[in-house]
Amino acid sequence: MNDQFLDEAISRIASGGAICLTGAGFSMEASDPEGSLLPSTFKLESELRELIGVPEGEGGSLTDLADYCGSRPDLAPKLRLHLVKRLTSSVPTKDQRTFLAA
């Protein structure tokens, strides 16, 4: 890495013009407001199946389940409430806060 590139990177970071991208696993230890760990895709699929009464192993992928719920007036509000509860307000761990603060 040359000095000019490094200086440009430092300048962009200092000005707020940089974005830190983390991998999908970064949020694994965060929790929802009730203290439950944020769900993996597999866990969220399971939660949606339970929410709508579909037996485990049936109902397709997470996208299929969400599409099905979204198309049903009786299930769409349940889907939205569940996703808001589980995904929109996470509580990061101490290590995650330290990383993001840096």
PDB file of N, CA and C in Angstrom:
ATOM      1  N   MET A   1       0.859  -1.165   0.000  1.00  0.00           N
ATOM      2  CA  MET A   1       0.000   0.000   0.000  1.00  0.00           C
ATOM      3  C   MET A   1       0.906   1.229   0.000  1.00  0.00           C
ATOM      4  N   ASN A   2       0.645   2.171  -0.905  1.00  0.00           N
ATOM      5  CA  ASN A   2       1.498   3.352  -0.950  1.00  0.00           C
ATOM      6  C   ASN A   2       0.981   4.438  -0.016  1.00  0.00           C
ATOM      7  N   ASP A   3       1.839   5.409   0.274  1.00  0.00           N
ATOM      8  CA  ASP A   3       1.503   6.469   1.225  1.00  0.00           C
ATOM      9  C   ASP A   3       0.328   7.323   0.755  1.00  0.00           C
ATOM     10  N   GLN A   4       0.242   7.579  -0.530  1.00  0.00           N
ATOM     11  CA  GLN A   4      -0.845   8.400  -1.065  1.00  0.00           C
ATOM     12  C   GLN A   4      -2.194   7.707  -0.833  1.00  0.00           C
ATOM     13  N   PHE A   5      -2.245   6.407  -1.093  1.00  0.00           N
ATOM     14  CA  PHE A   5      -3.478   5.643  -0.866  1.00  0.00           C
ATOM     15  C   PHE A   5      -3.853   5.669   0.607  1.00  0.00           C
ATOM     16  N   LEU A   6      -2.881   5.451   1.477  1.00  0.00           N
ATOM     17  CA  LEU A   6      -3.132   5.454   2.923  1.00  0.00           C
ATOM     18  C   LEU A   6      -3.609   6.826   3.384  1.00  0.00           C
ATOM     19  N   ASP A   7      -2.982   7.899   2.902  1.00  0.00           N
ATOM     20  CA  ASP A   7      -3.405   9.257   3.268  1.00  0.00           C
ATOM     21  C   ASP A   7      -4.847   9.519   2.826  1.00  0.00           C
ATOM     22  N   GLU A   8      -5.189   9.063   1.623  1.00  0.00           N
ATOM     23  CA  GLU A   8      -6.553   9.240   1.116  1.00  0.00           C
ATOM     24  C   GLU A   8      -7.555   8.461   1.983  1.00  0.00           C
ATOM     25  N   ALA A   9      -7.208   7.252   2.350  1.00  0.00           N
ATOM     26  CA  ALA A   9      -8.090   6.441   3.205  1.00  0.00           C
ATOM     27  C   ALA A   9      -8.283   7.116   4.558  1.00  0.00           C
ATOM     28  N   ILE A  10      -7.210   7.592   5.159  1.00  0.00           N
ATOM     29  CA  ILE A  10      -7.303   8.269   6.457  1.00  0.00           C
ATOM     30  C   ILE A  10      -8.179   9.514   6.341  1.00  0.00           C
ATOM     31  N   SER A  11      -8.018  10.266   5.266  1.00  0.00           N
ATOM     32  CA  SER A  11      -8.815  11.470   5.050  1.00  0.00           C
ATOM     33  C   SER A  11     -10.300  11.146   4.935  1.00  0.00           C
ATOM     34  N   ARG A  12     -10.618  10.099   4.188  1.00  0.00           N
ATOM     35  CA  ARG A  12     -12.034   9.718   4.024  1.00  0.00           C
ATOM     36  C   ARG A  12     -12.642   9.225   5.337  1.00  0.00           C
ATOM     37  N   ILE A  13     -11.886   8.462   6.080  1.00  0.00           N
ATOM     38  CA  ILE A  13     -12.373   7.983   7.377  1.00  0.00           C
ATOM     39  C   ILE A  13     -12.602   9.160   8.310  1.00  0.00           C
ATOM     40  N   ALA A  14     -11.636  10.078   8.394  1.00  0.00           N
ATOM     41  CA  ALA A  14     -11.731  11.230   9.289  1.00  0.00           C
ATOM     42  C   ALA A  14     -12.897  12.141   8.934  1.00  0.00           C
ATOM     43  N   SER A  15     -13.240  12.229   7.655  1.00  0.00           N
ATOM     44  CA  SER A  15     -14.330  13.113   7.231  1.00  0.00           C
ATOM     45  C   SER A  15     -15.697  12.445   7.294  1.00  0.00           C
ATOM     46  N   GLY A  16     -15.721  11.182   7.655  1.00  0.00           N
ATOM     47  CA  GLY A  16     -16.997  10.461   7.700  1.00  0.00           C
ATOM     48  C   GLY A  16     -17.420   9.921   6.354  1.00  0.00           C
ATOM     49  N   GLY A  17     -16.516   9.914   5.390  1.00  0.00           N
ATOM     50  CA  GLY A  17     -16.850   9.467   4.048  1.00  0.00           C
ATOM     51  C   GLY A  17     -16.547   8.013   3.778  1.00  0.00           C
ATOM     52  N   ALA A  18     -16.303   7.247   4.833  1.00  0.00           N
ATOM     53  CA  ALA A  18     -16.011   5.816   4.659  1.00  0.00           C
ATOM     54  C   ALA A  18     -17.117   5.001   5.315  1.00  0.00           C
ATOM     55  N   ILE A  19     -17.315   3.828   4.807  1.00  0.00           N
ATOM     56  CA  ILE A  19     -18.307   2.908   5.356  1.00  0.00           C
ATOM     57  C   ILE A  19     -17.593   1.634   5.775  1.00  0.00           C
ATOM     58  N   CYS A  20     -17.903   1.162   6.977  1.00  0.00           N
ATOM     59  CA  CYS A  20     -17.333  -0.091   7.460  1.00  0.00           C
ATOM     60  C   CYS A  20     -18.335  -1.213   7.185  1.00  0.00           C
ATOM     61  N   LEU A  21     -17.930  -2.170   6.380  1.00  0.00           N
ATOM     62  CA  LEU A  21     -18.785  -3.316   6.090  1.00  0.00           C
ATOM     63  C   LEU A  21     -18.293  -4.509   6.903  1.00  0.00           C
ATOM     64  N   THR A  22     -19.206  -5.131   7.584  1.00  0.00           N
ATOM     65  CA  THR A  22     -18.860  -6.333   8.341  1.00  0.00           C
ATOM     66  C   THR A  22     -19.559  -7.519   7.689  1.00  0.00           C
ATOM     67  N   GLY A  23     -19.123  -8.692   8.010  1.00  0.00           N
ATOM     68  CA  GLY A  23     -19.759  -9.893   7.492  1.00  0.00           C
ATOM     69  C   GLY A  23     -21.066 -10.174   8.207  1.00  0.00           C
ATOM     70  N   ALA A  24     -21.841 -11.081   7.651  1.00  0.00           N
ATOM     71  CA  ALA A  24     -23.147 -11.407   8.211  1.00  0.00           C
ATOM     72  C   ALA A  24     -23.042 -11.949   9.634  1.00  0.00           C
ATOM     73  N   GLY A  25     -21.943 -12.561   9.973  1.00  0.00           N
ATOM     74  CA  GLY A  25     -21.783 -13.123  11.304  1.00  0.00           C
ATOM     75  C   GLY A  25     -21.539 -12.097  12.395  1.00  0.00           C
ATOM     76  N   PHE A  26     -21.309 -10.847  12.012  1.00  0.00           N
ATOM     77  CA  PHE A  26     -21.003  -9.809  12.992  1.00  0.00           C
ATOM     78  C   PHE A  26     -22.110  -9.664  14.033  1.00  0.00           C
ATOM     79  N   SER A  27     -23.349  -9.811  13.639  1.00  0.00           N
ATOM     80  CA  SER A  27     -24.474  -9.593  14.554  1.00  0.00           C
ATOM     81  C   SER A  27     -24.867 -10.829  15.360  1.00  0.00           C
ATOM     82  N   MET A  28     -24.155 -11.926  15.183  1.00  0.00           N
ATOM     83  CA  MET A  28     -24.574 -13.186  15.804  1.00  0.00           C
ATOM     84  C   MET A  28     -24.752 -13.111  17.313  1.00  0.00           C
ATOM     85  N   GLU A  29     -23.945 -12.347  18.011  1.00  0.00           N
ATOM     86  CA  GLU A  29     -24.043 -12.297  19.466  1.00  0.00           C
ATOM     87  C   GLU A  29     -24.910 -11.154  19.978  1.00  0.00           C
ATOM     88  N   ALA A  30     -25.420 -10.305  19.070  1.00  0.00           N
ATOM     89  CA  ALA A  30     -26.317  -9.226  19.483  1.00  0.00           C
ATOM     90  C   ALA A  30     -27.657  -9.827  19.895  1.00  0.00           C
ATOM     91  N   SER A  31     -28.420  -9.058  20.630  1.00  0.00           N
ATOM     92  CA  SER A  31     -29.714  -9.565  21.090  1.00  0.00           C
ATOM     93  C   SER A  31     -30.825  -8.580  20.740  1.00  0.00           C
ATOM     94  N   ASP A  32     -32.053  -9.074  20.819  1.00  0.00           N
ATOM     95  CA  ASP A  32     -33.197  -8.200  20.617  1.00  0.00           C
ATOM     96  C   ASP A  32     -33.494  -7.508  21.953  1.00  0.00           C
ATOM     97  N   PRO A  33     -34.441  -6.569  21.977  1.00  0.00           N
ATOM     98  CA  PRO A  33     -34.714  -5.844  23.218  1.00  0.00           C
ATOM     99  C   PRO A  33     -35.139  -6.724  24.399  1.00  0.00           C
ATOM    100  N   GLU A  34     -35.623  -7.924  24.113  1.00  0.00           N
ATOM    101  CA  GLU A  34     -36.039  -8.841  25.185  1.00  0.00           C
ATOM    102  C   GLU A  34     -34.904  -9.733  25.662  1.00  0.00           C
ATOM    103  N   GLY A  35     -33.714  -9.603  25.050  1.00  0.00           N
ATOM    104  CA  GLY A  35     -32.551 -10.372  25.481  1.00  0.00           C
ATOM    105  C   GLY A  35     -32.299 -11.656  24.723  1.00  0.00           C
ATOM    106  N   SER A  36     -33.130 -11.979  23.742  1.00  0.00           N
ATOM    107  CA  SER A  36     -32.907 -13.174  22.924  1.00  0.00           C
ATOM    108  C   SER A  36     -31.906 -12.845  21.831  1.00  0.00           C
ATOM    109  N   LEU A  37     -31.002 -13.784  21.522  1.00  0.00           N
ATOM    110  CA  LEU A  37     -30.047 -13.576  20.445  1.00  0.00           C
ATOM    111  C   LEU A  37     -30.786 -13.337  19.135  1.00  0.00           C
ATOM    112  N   LEU A  38     -30.229 -12.468  18.289  1.00  0.00           N
ATOM    113  CA  LEU A  38     -30.832 -12.251  16.980  1.00  0.00           C
ATOM    114  C   LEU A  38     -30.870 -13.577  16.230  1.00  0.00           C
ATOM    115  N   PRO A  39     -31.940 -13.809  15.472  1.00  0.00           N
ATOM    116  CA  PRO A  39     -32.084 -15.114  14.828  1.00  0.00           C
ATOM    117  C   PRO A  39     -31.222 -15.262  13.576  1.00  0.00           C
ATOM    118  N   SER A  40     -30.732 -16.472  13.381  1.00  0.00           N
ATOM    119  CA  SER A  40     -30.115 -16.833  12.109  1.00  0.00           C
ATOM    120  C   SER A  40     -31.250 -17.012  11.103  1.00  0.00           C
ATOM    121  N   THR A  41     -30.905 -17.189   9.856  1.00  0.00           N
ATOM    122  CA  THR A  41     -31.923 -17.440   8.836  1.00  0.00           C
ATOM    123  C   THR A  41     -32.727 -18.683   9.194  1.00  0.00           C
ATOM    124  N   PHE A  42     -32.037 -19.745   9.605  1.00  0.00           N
ATOM    125  CA  PHE A  42     -32.710 -20.998   9.966  1.00  0.00           C
ATOM    126  C   PHE A  42     -33.662 -20.773  11.143  1.00  0.00           C
ATOM    127  N   LYS A  43     -33.207 -20.037  12.156  1.00  0.00           N
ATOM    128  CA  LYS A  43     -34.038 -19.771  13.341  1.00  0.00           C
ATOM    129  C   LYS A  43     -35.242 -18.916  12.960  1.00  0.00           C
ATOM    130  N   LEU A  44     -35.041 -17.901  12.115  1.00  0.00           N
ATOM    131  CA  LEU A  44     -36.156 -17.052  11.718  1.00  0.00           C
ATOM    132  C   LEU A  44     -37.175 -17.835  10.900  1.00  0.00           C
ATOM    133  N   GLU A  45     -36.707 -18.736  10.046  1.00  0.00           N
ATOM    134  CA  GLU A  45     -37.632 -19.617   9.315  1.00  0.00           C
ATOM    135  C   GLU A  45     -38.474 -20.416  10.302  1.00  0.00           C
ATOM    136  N   SER A  46     -37.832 -20.973  11.301  1.00  0.00           N
ATOM    137  CA  SER A  46     -38.529 -21.769  12.308  1.00  0.00           C
ATOM    138  C   SER A  46     -39.552 -20.918  13.074  1.00  0.00           C
ATOM    139  N   GLU A  47     -39.162 -19.705  13.431  1.00  0.00           N
ATOM    140  CA  GLU A  47     -40.070 -18.807  14.152  1.00  0.00           C
ATOM    141  C   GLU A  47     -41.289 -18.458  13.299  1.00  0.00           C
ATOM    142  N   LEU A  48     -41.068 -18.213  12.004  1.00  0.00           N
ATOM    143  CA  LEU A  48     -42.202 -17.901  11.127  1.00  0.00           C
ATOM    144  C   LEU A  48     -43.122 -19.099  10.954  1.00  0.00           C
ATOM    145  N   ARG A  49     -42.528 -20.283  10.818  1.00  0.00           N
ATOM    146  CA  ARG A  49     -43.376 -21.482  10.717  1.00  0.00           C
ATOM    147  C   ARG A  49     -44.263 -21.615  11.954  1.00  0.00           C
ATOM    148  N   GLU A  50     -43.654 -21.414  13.114  1.00  0.00           N
ATOM    149  CA  GLU A  50     -44.418 -21.515  14.359  1.00  0.00           C
ATOM    150  C   GLU A  50     -45.491 -20.431  14.416  1.00  0.00           C
ATOM    151  N   LEU A  51     -45.152 -19.215  14.001  1.00  0.00           N
ATOM    152  CA  LEU A  51     -46.077 -18.090  14.035  1.00  0.00           C
ATOM    153  C   LEU A  51     -47.331 -18.356  13.213  1.00  0.00           C
ATOM    154  N   ILE A  52     -47.160 -19.019  12.061  1.00  0.00           N
ATOM    155  CA  ILE A  52     -48.307 -19.221  11.162  1.00  0.00           C
ATOM    156  C   ILE A  52     -48.842 -20.651  11.193  1.00  0.00           C
ATOM    157  N   GLY A  53     -48.247 -21.492  12.026  1.00  0.00           N
ATOM    158  CA  GLY A  53     -48.765 -22.838  12.187  1.00  0.00           C
ATOM    159  C   GLY A  53     -48.377 -23.823  11.109  1.00  0.00           C
ATOM    160  N   VAL A  54     -47.211 -23.627  10.501  1.00  0.00           N
ATOM    161  CA  VAL A  54     -46.721 -24.553   9.486  1.00  0.00           C
ATOM    162  C   VAL A  54     -45.760 -25.527  10.159  1.00  0.00           C
ATOM    163  N   PRO A  55     -45.938 -26.822   9.977  1.00  0.00           N
ATOM    164  CA  PRO A  55     -45.041 -27.794  10.615  1.00  0.00           C
ATOM    165  C   PRO A  55     -43.581 -27.594  10.211  1.00  0.00           C
ATOM    166  N   GLU A  56     -42.690 -27.880  11.135  1.00  0.00           N
ATOM    167  CA  GLU A  56     -41.243 -27.777  10.880  1.00  0.00           C
ATOM    168  C   GLU A  56     -40.883 -28.609   9.657  1.00  0.00           C
ATOM    169  N   GLY A  57     -40.055 -28.070   8.787  1.00  0.00           N
ATOM    170  CA  GLY A  57     -39.640 -28.777   7.579  1.00  0.00           C
ATOM    171  C   GLY A  57     -40.553 -28.545   6.388  1.00  0.00           C
ATOM    172  N   GLU A  58     -41.662 -27.861   6.601  1.00  0.00           N
ATOM    173  CA  GLU A  58     -42.579 -27.539   5.505  1.00  0.00           C
ATOM    174  C   GLU A  58     -42.609 -26.031   5.310  1.00  0.00           C
ATOM    175  N   GLY A  59     -43.077 -25.598   4.154  1.00  0.00           N
ATOM    176  CA  GLY A  59     -43.296 -24.186   3.928  1.00  0.00           C
ATOM    177  C   GLY A  59     -42.225 -23.483   3.128  1.00  0.00           C
ATOM    178  N   GLY A  60     -41.149 -24.151   2.787  1.00  0.00           N
ATOM    179  CA  GLY A  60     -40.141 -23.547   1.934  1.00  0.00           C
ATOM    180  C   GLY A  60     -39.146 -22.681   2.669  1.00  0.00           C
ATOM    181  N   SER A  61     -38.515 -21.792   1.908  1.00  0.00           N
ATOM    182  CA  SER A  61     -37.445 -20.943   2.417  1.00  0.00           C
ATOM    183  C   SER A  61     -38.013 -19.766   3.205  1.00  0.00           C
ATOM    184  N   LEU A  62     -37.124 -19.003   3.806  1.00  0.00           N
ATOM    185  CA  LEU A  62     -37.523 -17.797   4.518  1.00  0.00           C
ATOM    186  C   LEU A  62     -38.262 -16.846   3.578  1.00  0.00           C
ATOM    187  N   THR A  63     -37.768 -16.705   2.368  1.00  0.00           N
ATOM    188  CA  THR A  63     -38.429 -15.848   1.378  1.00  0.00           C
ATOM    189  C   THR A  63     -39.826 -16.358   1.061  1.00  0.00           C
ATOM    190  N   ASP A  64     -39.955 -17.677   0.885  1.00  0.00           N
ATOM    191  CA  ASP A  64     -41.273 -18.265   0.601  1.00  0.00           C
ATOM    192  C   ASP A  64     -42.243 -17.993   1.752  1.00  0.00           C
ATOM    193  N   LEU A  65     -41.781 -18.202   2.973  1.00  0.00           N
ATOM    194  CA  LEU A  65     -42.639 -17.977   4.144  1.00  0.00           C
ATOM    195  C   LEU A  65     -43.041 -16.515   4.265  1.00  0.00           C
ATOM    196  N   ALA A  66     -42.073 -15.605   4.070  1.00  0.00           N
ATOM    197  CA  ALA A  66     -42.371 -14.173   4.161  1.00  0.00           C
ATOM    198  C   ALA A  66     -43.331 -13.745   3.054  1.00  0.00           C
ATOM    199  N   ASP A  67     -43.126 -14.245   1.837  1.00  0.00           N
ATOM    200  CA  ASP A  67     -44.030 -13.925   0.730  1.00  0.00           C
ATOM    201  C   ASP A  67     -45.443 -14.421   1.020  1.00  0.00           C
ATOM    202  N   TYR A  68     -45.534 -15.622   1.539  1.00  0.00           N
ATOM    203  CA  TYR A  68     -46.836 -16.195   1.873  1.00  0.00           C
ATOM    204  C   TYR A  68     -47.532 -15.335   2.925  1.00  0.00           C
ATOM    205  N   CYS A  69     -46.819 -14.990   3.989  1.00  0.00           N
ATOM    206  CA  CYS A  69     -47.404 -14.163   5.047  1.00  0.00           C
ATOM    207  C   CYS A  69     -47.799 -12.790   4.508  1.00  0.00           C
ATOM    208  N   GLY A  70     -46.913 -12.206   3.692  1.00  0.00           N
ATOM    209  CA  GLY A  70     -47.183 -10.883   3.156  1.00  0.00           C
ATOM    210  C   GLY A  70     -48.382 -10.825   2.241  1.00  0.00           C
ATOM    211  N   SER A  71     -48.733 -11.950   1.637  1.00  0.00           N
ATOM    212  CA  SER A  71     -49.867 -11.983   0.711  1.00  0.00           C
ATOM    213  C   SER A  71     -51.203 -12.236   1.406  1.00  0.00           C
ATOM    214  N   ARG A  72     -51.149 -12.528   2.685  1.00  0.00           N
ATOM    215  CA  ARG A  72     -52.368 -12.847   3.438  1.00  0.00           C
ATOM    216  C   ARG A  72     -52.698 -11.711   4.407  1.00  0.00           C
ATOM    217  N   PRO A  73     -53.865 -11.088   4.264  1.00  0.00           N
ATOM    218  CA  PRO A  73     -54.228  -9.976   5.151  1.00  0.00           C
ATOM    219  C   PRO A  73     -54.246 -10.352   6.635  1.00  0.00           C
ATOM    220  N   ASP A  74     -54.512 -11.625   6.929  1.00  0.00           N
ATOM    221  CA  ASP A  74     -54.537 -12.049   8.332  1.00  0.00           C
ATOM    222  C   ASP A  74     -53.139 -12.313   8.879  1.00  0.00           C
ATOM    223  N   LEU A  75     -52.168 -12.606   8.012  1.00  0.00           N
ATOM    224  CA  LEU A  75     -50.815 -12.929   8.459  1.00  0.00           C
ATOM    225  C   LEU A  75     -49.816 -11.787   8.287  1.00  0.00           C
ATOM    226  N   ALA A  76     -50.073 -10.887   7.355  1.00  0.00           N
ATOM    227  CA  ALA A  76     -49.118  -9.796   7.090  1.00  0.00           C
ATOM    228  C   ALA A  76     -48.819  -8.966   8.349  1.00  0.00           C
ATOM    229  N   PRO A  77     -49.834  -8.590   9.150  1.00  0.00           N
ATOM    230  CA  PRO A  77     -49.523  -7.828  10.359  1.00  0.00           C
ATOM    231  C   PRO A  77     -48.691  -8.631  11.367  1.00  0.00           C
ATOM    232  N   LYS A  78     -48.967  -9.929  11.470  1.00  0.00           N
ATOM    233  CA  LYS A  78     -48.174 -10.791  12.369  1.00  0.00           C
ATOM    234  C   LYS A  78     -46.718 -10.842  11.921  1.00  0.00           C
ATOM    235  N   LEU A  79     -46.508 -10.963  10.605  1.00  0.00           N
ATOM    236  CA  LEU A  79     -45.162 -10.991  10.049  1.00  0.00           C
ATOM    237  C   LEU A  79     -44.436  -9.699  10.376  1.00  0.00           C
ATOM    238  N   ARG A  80     -45.079  -8.560  10.096  1.00  0.00           N
ATOM    239  CA  ARG A  80     -44.443  -7.266  10.363  1.00  0.00           C
ATOM    240  C   ARG A  80     -44.091  -7.103  11.828  1.00  0.00           C
ATOM    241  N   LEU A  81     -45.014  -7.421  12.705  1.00  0.00           N
ATOM    242  CA  LEU A  81     -44.746  -7.293  14.147  1.00  0.00           C
ATOM    243  C   LEU A  81     -43.586  -8.180  14.584  1.00  0.00           C
ATOM    244  N   HIS A  82     -43.552  -9.391  14.071  1.00  0.00           N
ATOM    245  CA  HIS A  82     -42.483 -10.314  14.451  1.00  0.00           C
ATOM    246  C   HIS A  82     -41.128  -9.812  13.955  1.00  0.00           C
ATOM    247  N   LEU A  83     -41.068  -9.351  12.716  1.00  0.00           N
ATOM    248  CA  LEU A  83     -39.804  -8.852  12.177  1.00  0.00           C
ATOM    249  C   LEU A  83     -39.338  -7.598  12.904  1.00  0.00           C
ATOM    250  N   VAL A  84     -40.256  -6.709  13.228  1.00  0.00           N
ATOM    251  CA  VAL A  84     -39.892  -5.507  13.990  1.00  0.00           C
ATOM    252  C   VAL A  84     -39.355  -5.908  15.359  1.00  0.00           C
ATOM    253  N   LYS A  85     -40.049  -6.815  16.011  1.00  0.00           N
ATOM    254  CA  LYS A  85     -39.629  -7.259  17.350  1.00  0.00           C
ATOM    255  C   LYS A  85     -38.252  -7.908  17.327  1.00  0.00           C
ATOM    256  N   ARG A  86     -37.995  -8.725  16.341  1.00  0.00           N
ATOM    257  CA  ARG A  86     -36.770  -9.528  16.332  1.00  0.00           C
ATOM    258  C   ARG A  86     -35.577  -8.870  15.644  1.00  0.00           C
ATOM    259  N   LEU A  87     -35.834  -7.913  14.720  1.00  0.00           N
ATOM    260  CA  LEU A  87     -34.722  -7.449  13.884  1.00  0.00           C
ATOM    261  C   LEU A  87     -34.443  -5.951  13.893  1.00  0.00           C
ATOM    262  N   THR A  88     -35.372  -5.122  14.307  1.00  0.00           N
ATOM    263  CA  THR A  88     -35.159  -3.690  14.101  1.00  0.00           C
ATOM    264  C   THR A  88     -34.467  -2.968  15.247  1.00  0.00           C
ATOM    265  N   SER A  89     -34.456  -3.512  16.406  1.00  0.00           N
ATOM    266  CA  SER A  89     -33.833  -2.827  17.538  1.00  0.00           C
ATOM    267  C   SER A  89     -32.930  -3.800  18.273  1.00  0.00           C
ATOM    268  N   SER A  90     -31.713  -3.943  17.768  1.00  0.00           N
ATOM    269  CA  SER A  90     -30.811  -4.915  18.389  1.00  0.00           C
ATOM    270  C   SER A  90     -29.936  -4.246  19.435  1.00  0.00           C
ATOM    271  N   VAL A  91     -29.489  -5.055  20.366  1.00  0.00           N
ATOM    272  CA  VAL A  91     -28.607  -4.601  21.431  1.00  0.00           C
ATOM    273  C   VAL A  91     -27.242  -5.233  21.173  1.00  0.00           C
ATOM    274  N   PRO A  92     -26.257  -4.412  20.781  1.00  0.00           N
ATOM    275  CA  PRO A  92     -24.941  -4.975  20.475  1.00  0.00           C
ATOM    276  C   PRO A  92     -24.195  -5.397  21.735  1.00  0.00           C
ATOM    277  N   THR A  93     -23.249  -6.292  21.551  1.00  0.00           N
ATOM    278  CA  THR A  93     -22.392  -6.709  22.656  1.00  0.00           C
ATOM    279  C   THR A  93     -21.353  -5.621  22.919  1.00  0.00           C
ATOM    280  N   LYS A  94     -20.643  -5.740  24.017  1.00  0.00           N
ATOM    281  CA  LYS A  94     -19.577  -4.793  24.343  1.00  0.00           C
ATOM    282  C   LYS A  94     -18.519  -4.784  23.228  1.00  0.00           C
ATOM    283  N   ASP A  95     -18.127  -5.959  22.755  1.00  0.00           N
ATOM    284  CA  ASP A  95     -17.121  -6.041  21.690  1.00  0.00           C
ATOM    285  C   ASP A  95     -17.614  -5.381  20.400  1.00  0.00           C
ATOM    286  N   GLN A  96     -18.883  -5.564  20.067  1.00  0.00           N
ATOM    287  CA  GLN A  96     -19.432  -4.937  18.869  1.00  0.00           C
ATOM    288  C   GLN A  96     -19.426  -3.415  19.015  1.00  0.00           C
ATOM    289  N   ARG A  97     -19.807  -2.912  20.193  1.00  0.00           N
ATOM    290  CA  ARG A  97     -19.793  -1.465  20.420  1.00  0.00           C
ATOM    291  C   ARG A  97     -18.376  -0.912  20.309  1.00  0.00           C
ATOM    292  N   THR A  98     -17.413  -1.630  20.867  1.00  0.00           N
ATOM    293  CA  THR A  98     -16.013  -1.192  20.798  1.00  0.00           C
ATOM    294  C   THR A  98     -15.546  -1.134  19.347  1.00  0.00           C
ATOM    295  N   PHE A  99     -15.864  -2.170  18.586  1.00  0.00           N
ATOM    296  CA  PHE A  99     -15.470  -2.220  17.175  1.00  0.00           C
ATOM    297  C   PHE A  99     -16.074  -1.069  16.403  1.00  0.00           C
ATOM    298  N   LEU A 100     -17.365  -0.836  16.587  1.00  0.00           N
ATOM    299  CA  LEU A 100     -18.055   0.219  15.842  1.00  0.00           C
ATOM    300  C   LEU A 100     -17.589   1.605  16.268  1.00  0.00           C
ATOM    301  N   ALA A 101     -17.229   1.761  17.522  1.00  0.00           N
ATOM    302  CA  ALA A 101     -16.742   3.055  17.992  1.00  0.00           C
ATOM    303  C   ALA A 101     -15.385   3.401  17.379  1.00  0.00           C
ATOM    304  N   ALA A 102     -14.605   2.365  17.089  1.00  0.00           N
ATOM    305  CA  ALA A 102     -13.284   2.594  16.496  1.00  0.00           C
ATOM    306  C   ALA A 102     -13.433   3.074  15.081  1.00  0.00           C
TER     307      ALA A 102
END
